[in-house]
């Protein structure tokens, strides 16, 4: 009886979403290798869209929007990092609303011309650690020199395989190479194929969940941050301030670059650059609630610096 009921419910859901599925394929030019793959992707699409609709119905006061995007036919497990880190609950060293006594009320490093384009989605999940670490280093160089040069993500991917510490690895490589000098993944490290154009001498690691300190660090350069991105409401995020109880504060599985902060209608937020392509979120970016360790975003925070040029934030 339960099996029959499930079949009926699924058939109704599939039928209701057939038009949306066809529109989704047209909008994002989706083509699948086999009929079997298309059937599997359609089932994932139906599951994700139904979960999105359920969330919208039960969270009418949500501070963020959700919509079907190019990743709606993907399982979230394939989009986040292959590693997952767990933390014990720590004493809260942050307030629900962070008072910016000594800093500007908002910051967006994009306005300074030091942030590269949003990474496309062809290799998401496999390469996000190399993406964000490279972006962090190239942005520091742009802040210090006024010249934005895209670094080689394939070089970092090849030469700093996980689970080693990617920033110690980059330091040992004497920095990152230009994108054009090491353009493709070779699946083996060929560090002699290029000459690094920039590096750093300091790695700052947040140890106390202090989001006020994160604001201070951001005055100098952008931040690496890990968070829990395993929920469908994050997958289908389309804009606004992501502020939800569905994600975890003690498990992180994805990494992003924090490039600024601000507030909207009294809600303080972090401005983050994701690596799921420009069709996701707010043109590849998202805003997430600040001051409450939302989705564990203050558990693993890293900044690279050159102490002689910019001063290391201890």
Protein backbone atom coordinates (compact mmCIF):
# COMPACT_ATOMS: atom_id res chain seq x y z
CA UNK A 1 0.00 0.00 0.00
CA UNK A 2 2.81 2.44 0.90
CA UNK A 3 4.57 1.63 -2.37
CA UNK A 4 1.40 2.34 -4.35
CA UNK A 5 0.84 5.62 -2.48
CA UNK A 6 4.44 6.68 -3.16
CA UNK A 7 4.03 5.86 -6.84
CA UNK A 8 0.83 7.91 -7.06
CA UNK A 9 2.37 10.89 -5.27
CA UNK A 10 5.51 10.72 -7.41
CA UNK A 11 3.46 10.47 -10.62
CA UNK A 12 1.41 13.51 -9.66
CA UNK A 13 4.55 15.49 -8.76
CA UNK A 14 6.28 14.45 -11.98
CA UNK A 15 3.26 15.44 -14.01
CA UNK A 16 2.96 18.81 -12.31
CA UNK A 17 6.61 19.57 -13.01
CA UNK A 18 6.79 18.35 -16.61
CA UNK A 19 6.41 21.86 -18.02
CA UNK A 20 8.99 23.23 -15.59
CA UNK A 21 11.37 20.42 -16.54
CA UNK A 22 11.00 21.19 -20.25
CA UNK A 23 11.53 24.91 -19.61
CA UNK A 24 14.57 24.14 -17.45
CA UNK A 25 16.16 22.14 -20.27
CA UNK A 26 15.49 24.93 -22.77
CA UNK A 27 16.66 27.75 -20.52
CA UNK A 28 19.99 26.09 -19.72
CA UNK A 29 20.46 24.12 -22.94
CA UNK A 30 20.54 20.85 -21.05
CA UNK A 31 21.48 17.81 -23.12
CA UNK A 32 22.07 14.36 -21.67
CA UNK A 33 24.14 11.53 -23.08
CA UNK A 34 21.46 8.86 -22.68
CA UNK A 35 17.79 8.51 -21.93
CA UNK A 36 18.72 6.83 -18.66
CA UNK A 37 20.77 9.83 -17.57
CA UNK A 38 17.95 12.20 -18.46
CA UNK A 39 15.51 10.14 -16.40
CA UNK A 40 17.88 10.24 -13.42
CA UNK A 41 18.38 13.99 -13.77
CA UNK A 42 14.66 14.56 -14.04
CA UNK A 43 14.08 12.64 -10.82
CA UNK A 44 16.71 14.77 -9.05
CA UNK A 45 15.11 17.91 -10.51
CA UNK A 46 11.67 16.90 -9.23
CA UNK A 47 13.07 16.14 -5.78
CA UNK A 48 14.92 19.47 -5.56
CA UNK A 49 12.02 21.55 -6.84
CA UNK A 50 9.53 19.87 -4.52
CA UNK A 51 11.83 20.49 -1.55
CA UNK A 52 12.20 24.12 -2.64
CA UNK A 53 8.40 24.54 -2.85
CA UNK A 54 7.99 22.89 0.56
CA UNK A 55 10.52 25.27 2.11
CA UNK A 56 8.82 28.28 0.54
CA UNK A 57 5.43 27.20 1.89
CA UNK A 58 6.71 26.73 5.44
CA UNK A 59 9.02 29.80 5.48
CA UNK A 60 6.89 32.61 4.12
CA UNK A 61 8.95 35.11 6.14
CA UNK A 62 12.31 34.02 4.70
CA UNK A 63 14.84 36.80 4.07
CA UNK A 64 16.07 35.19 0.86
CA UNK A 65 14.56 34.04 -2.42
CA UNK A 66 14.74 30.65 -4.11
CA UNK A 67 14.29 29.72 -7.75
CA UNK A 68 15.10 27.01 -10.26
CA UNK A 69 18.64 27.45 -11.54
CA UNK A 70 21.11 25.56 -13.77
CA UNK A 71 22.02 23.22 -10.90
CA UNK A 72 18.49 22.02 -10.21
CA UNK A 73 19.22 18.63 -11.80
CA UNK A 74 22.24 18.05 -9.55
CA UNK A 75 22.56 16.31 -6.20
CA UNK A 76 24.02 18.74 -3.67
CA UNK A 77 26.60 16.11 -2.67
CA UNK A 78 28.25 16.49 -6.07
CA UNK A 79 28.57 20.26 -5.77
CA UNK A 80 30.22 20.68 -2.40
CA UNK A 81 33.78 19.80 -1.45
CA UNK A 82 34.71 16.12 -1.28
CA UNK A 83 35.87 16.69 2.29
CA UNK A 84 33.64 17.33 5.29
CA UNK A 85 34.81 18.80 8.60
CA UNK A 86 33.04 18.51 11.94
CA UNK A 87 33.34 20.86 14.93
CA UNK A 88 32.19 20.82 18.49
CA UNK A 89 29.89 23.61 19.53
CA UNK A 90 32.02 26.51 20.71
CA UNK A 91 31.18 29.34 23.13
CA UNK A 92 29.67 32.21 21.20
CA UNK A 93 32.08 35.12 20.88
CA UNK A 94 29.81 37.08 18.57
CA UNK A 95 26.63 39.11 18.88
CA UNK A 96 23.46 38.81 16.82
CA UNK A 97 24.24 42.24 15.46
CA UNK A 98 27.86 43.29 15.06
CA UNK A 99 28.49 46.95 15.87
CA UNK A 100 31.08 48.42 13.51
CA UNK A 101 32.66 50.95 15.81
CA UNK A 102 35.92 51.48 13.95
CA UNK A 103 35.10 50.30 10.44
CA UNK A 104 32.90 51.34 7.49
CA UNK A 105 29.30 50.13 7.63
CA UNK A 106 29.81 48.20 4.41
CA UNK A 107 32.58 46.93 2.18
CA UNK A 108 32.61 45.37 -1.29
CA UNK A 109 36.05 44.58 -2.74
CA UNK A 110 34.49 44.25 -6.22
CA UNK A 111 34.26 48.04 -6.39
CA UNK A 112 38.06 48.19 -6.13
CA UNK A 113 38.57 46.05 -9.24
CA UNK A 114 40.42 43.30 -7.36
CA UNK A 115 37.98 40.39 -7.76
CA UNK A 116 38.19 38.07 -10.78
CA UNK A 117 35.21 36.63 -12.66
CA UNK A 118 33.04 33.96 -11.05
CA UNK A 119 34.37 30.49 -11.76
CA UNK A 120 32.23 28.41 -14.19
CA UNK A 121 30.55 25.22 -13.10
CA UNK A 122 32.16 22.51 -15.23
CA UNK A 123 34.27 21.07 -12.40
CA UNK A 124 32.47 22.16 -9.26
CA UNK A 125 32.94 20.01 -6.20
CA UNK A 126 36.28 18.66 -7.38
CA UNK A 127 38.17 21.93 -7.63
CA UNK A 128 36.60 24.44 -5.22
CA UNK A 129 39.57 24.38 -2.81
CA UNK A 130 41.98 25.26 -5.62
CA UNK A 131 39.58 27.92 -6.90
CA UNK A 132 39.16 29.82 -3.64
CA UNK A 133 42.80 29.57 -2.53
CA UNK A 134 43.97 30.88 -5.91
CA UNK A 135 41.42 33.69 -5.82
CA UNK A 136 42.54 34.70 -2.35
CA UNK A 137 46.18 35.03 -3.46
CA UNK A 138 45.44 36.84 -6.74
CA UNK A 139 43.15 39.28 -4.91
CA UNK A 140 45.86 40.06 -2.35
CA UNK A 141 48.26 40.80 -5.22
CA UNK A 142 45.67 43.06 -6.88
CA UNK A 143 45.09 44.97 -3.63
CA UNK A 144 48.82 45.47 -3.12
CA UNK A 145 49.73 46.38 -6.71
CA UNK A 146 46.53 47.68 -8.29
CA UNK A 147 46.85 45.00 -10.99
CA UNK A 148 44.44 42.06 -11.16
CA UNK A 149 46.10 39.01 -12.72
CA UNK A 150 44.21 35.73 -12.76
CA UNK A 151 46.15 32.92 -11.12
CA UNK A 152 46.37 29.35 -12.35
CA UNK A 153 43.74 27.24 -10.63
CA UNK A 154 44.95 24.10 -12.48
CA UNK A 155 48.45 24.59 -11.03
CA UNK A 156 47.13 24.65 -7.48
CA UNK A 157 44.81 21.72 -8.20
CA UNK A 158 47.65 19.61 -9.62
CA UNK A 159 50.35 20.55 -7.12
CA UNK A 160 48.35 20.80 -3.90
CA UNK A 161 46.22 17.63 -3.86
CA UNK A 162 43.85 17.22 -0.95
CA UNK A 163 43.82 16.72 1.97
CA UNK A 164 47.11 18.63 2.39
CA UNK A 165 46.99 22.24 3.63
CA UNK A 166 46.59 24.23 0.44
CA UNK A 167 48.11 27.48 1.73
CA UNK A 168 51.24 25.86 3.13
CA UNK A 169 51.53 24.06 -0.21
CA UNK A 170 51.25 27.32 -2.19
CA UNK A 171 53.95 28.89 0.00
CA UNK A 172 56.20 25.88 -0.68
CA UNK A 173 55.61 26.39 -4.41
CA UNK A 174 56.79 30.02 -4.00
CA UNK A 175 53.32 31.24 -4.96
CA UNK A 176 50.91 30.92 -7.87
CA UNK A 177 51.51 31.16 -11.62
CA UNK A 178 49.53 33.13 -14.16
CA UNK A 179 46.46 31.45 -15.61
CA UNK A 180 47.87 31.55 -19.14
CA UNK A 181 51.17 29.96 -18.07
CA UNK A 182 49.51 26.86 -16.62
CA UNK A 183 46.07 26.82 -18.30
CA UNK A 184 44.95 23.19 -18.00
CA UNK A 185 44.75 20.46 -15.38
CA UNK A 186 47.42 17.85 -16.07
CA UNK A 187 46.55 15.49 -13.18
CA UNK A 188 50.17 15.65 -12.05
CA UNK A 189 52.24 18.53 -10.69
CA UNK A 190 54.45 20.23 -13.25
CA UNK A 191 55.58 23.22 -11.23
CA UNK A 192 58.59 23.76 -13.50
CA UNK A 193 56.22 24.66 -16.36
CA UNK A 194 55.64 28.16 -14.99
CA UNK A 195 57.11 30.86 -12.77
CA UNK A 196 54.99 32.21 -9.87
CA UNK A 197 54.11 35.88 -10.15
CA UNK A 198 53.06 36.39 -6.53
CA UNK A 199 53.11 34.78 -3.10
CA UNK A 200 52.58 35.64 0.58
CA UNK A 201 54.51 35.21 3.80
CA UNK A 202 51.73 35.06 6.41
CA UNK A 203 48.72 32.80 6.92
CA UNK A 204 46.20 34.11 9.44
CA UNK A 205 43.75 31.54 10.83
CA UNK A 206 40.75 32.53 12.91
CA UNK A 207 40.67 30.48 16.11
CA UNK A 208 37.74 31.87 18.12
CA UNK A 209 34.72 32.36 15.81
CA UNK A 210 35.16 36.12 16.27
CA UNK A 211 33.18 37.70 13.45
CA UNK A 212 34.20 41.19 14.53
CA UNK A 213 37.80 40.16 13.87
CA UNK A 214 36.70 38.95 10.45
CA UNK A 215 35.44 42.47 9.70
CA UNK A 216 38.83 43.84 10.75
CA UNK A 217 40.70 41.39 8.56
CA UNK A 218 38.50 42.26 5.58
CA UNK A 219 39.75 45.83 5.66
CA UNK A 220 43.09 44.43 4.44
CA UNK A 221 42.04 41.66 2.04
CA UNK A 222 39.45 38.97 1.38
CA UNK A 223 38.88 35.79 3.40
CA UNK A 224 38.63 32.05 2.83
CA UNK A 225 35.61 30.65 4.70
CA UNK A 226 34.11 27.19 4.97
CA UNK A 227 30.42 26.58 5.59
CA UNK A 228 27.62 24.03 5.39
CA UNK A 229 26.13 24.23 1.89
CA UNK A 230 24.36 20.87 1.94
CA UNK A 231 20.75 22.09 2.00
CA UNK A 232 18.48 22.46 -1.01
CA UNK A 233 17.52 25.97 0.09
CA UNK A 234 21.17 26.98 -0.50
CA UNK A 235 21.34 25.10 -3.81
CA UNK A 236 18.28 27.01 -5.07
CA UNK A 237 19.26 30.37 -3.53
CA UNK A 238 18.40 33.25 -5.86
CA UNK A 239 19.01 36.38 -3.79
CA UNK A 240 18.55 38.17 -0.48
CA UNK A 241 20.24 37.42 2.85
CA UNK A 242 20.57 33.68 3.45
CA UNK A 243 19.40 33.29 7.02
CA UNK A 244 18.05 29.86 7.91
CA UNK A 245 17.88 27.27 10.66
CA UNK A 246 18.22 24.38 8.21
CA UNK A 247 22.03 24.40 7.95
CA UNK A 248 24.60 23.19 10.48
CA UNK A 249 26.95 25.28 12.62
CA UNK A 250 29.17 22.30 13.37
CA UNK A 251 29.65 20.63 9.96
CA UNK A 252 31.18 22.39 6.95
CA UNK A 253 31.52 20.96 3.44
CA UNK A 254 32.05 23.90 1.07
CA UNK A 255 34.49 26.80 0.72
CA UNK A 256 33.87 30.35 -0.54
CA UNK A 257 35.61 33.71 -0.62
CA UNK A 258 34.23 36.47 1.62
CA UNK A 259 34.69 39.73 -0.28
CA UNK A 260 32.72 42.17 1.85
CA UNK A 261 29.89 42.82 4.27
CA UNK A 262 26.92 45.11 4.83
CA UNK A 263 23.36 45.09 6.11
CA UNK A 264 19.88 45.01 4.58
CA UNK A 265 16.75 46.00 6.49
CA UNK A 266 18.61 45.63 9.76
CA UNK A 267 20.10 42.22 8.94
CA UNK A 268 23.92 42.25 8.84
CA UNK A 269 25.43 40.00 6.19
CA UNK A 270 28.65 38.70 4.68
CA UNK A 271 29.06 39.17 0.92
CA UNK A 272 30.53 36.00 -0.56
CA UNK A 273 31.78 34.82 -3.93
CA UNK A 274 30.69 31.28 -4.71
CA UNK A 275 32.18 29.01 -7.40
CA UNK A 276 29.00 27.60 -8.95
CA UNK A 277 28.95 29.88 -11.99
CA UNK A 278 27.37 33.30 -12.68
CA UNK A 279 23.89 31.83 -13.19
CA UNK A 280 23.67 30.88 -9.52
CA UNK A 281 22.53 33.24 -6.75
CA UNK A 282 23.21 36.94 -7.24
CA UNK A 283 25.31 36.58 -10.41
CA UNK A 284 27.50 34.01 -8.70
CA UNK A 285 27.56 35.75 -5.31
CA UNK A 286 25.45 35.43 -2.19
CA UNK A 287 24.81 37.23 1.06
CA UNK A 288 24.60 35.28 4.31
CA UNK A 289 23.65 36.44 7.81
CA UNK A 290 26.58 37.88 9.78
CA UNK A 291 27.19 37.75 13.52
CA UNK A 292 25.66 34.34 14.33
CA UNK A 293 28.05 31.82 12.77
CA UNK A 294 25.45 31.10 10.13
CA UNK A 295 26.05 27.66 8.59
CA UNK A 296 29.37 27.52 10.47
CA UNK A 297 30.89 30.32 8.39
CA UNK A 298 33.24 31.47 11.19
CA UNK A 299 34.59 27.99 12.03
CA UNK A 300 37.34 27.93 9.38
CA UNK A 301 38.45 31.39 8.25
CA UNK A 302 41.83 32.06 6.63
CA UNK A 303 43.55 35.15 5.29
CA UNK A 304 46.87 35.36 3.46
CA UNK A 305 49.05 38.44 3.82
CA UNK A 306 52.46 39.93 3.21
CA UNK A 307 53.58 41.31 6.55
CA UNK A 308 56.02 43.85 5.10
CA UNK A 309 53.49 45.30 2.64
CA UNK A 310 50.11 45.23 4.36
CA UNK A 311 50.72 44.21 7.91
CA UNK A 312 49.60 40.87 9.23
CA UNK A 313 46.48 40.86 11.33
CA UNK A 314 47.25 38.83 14.41
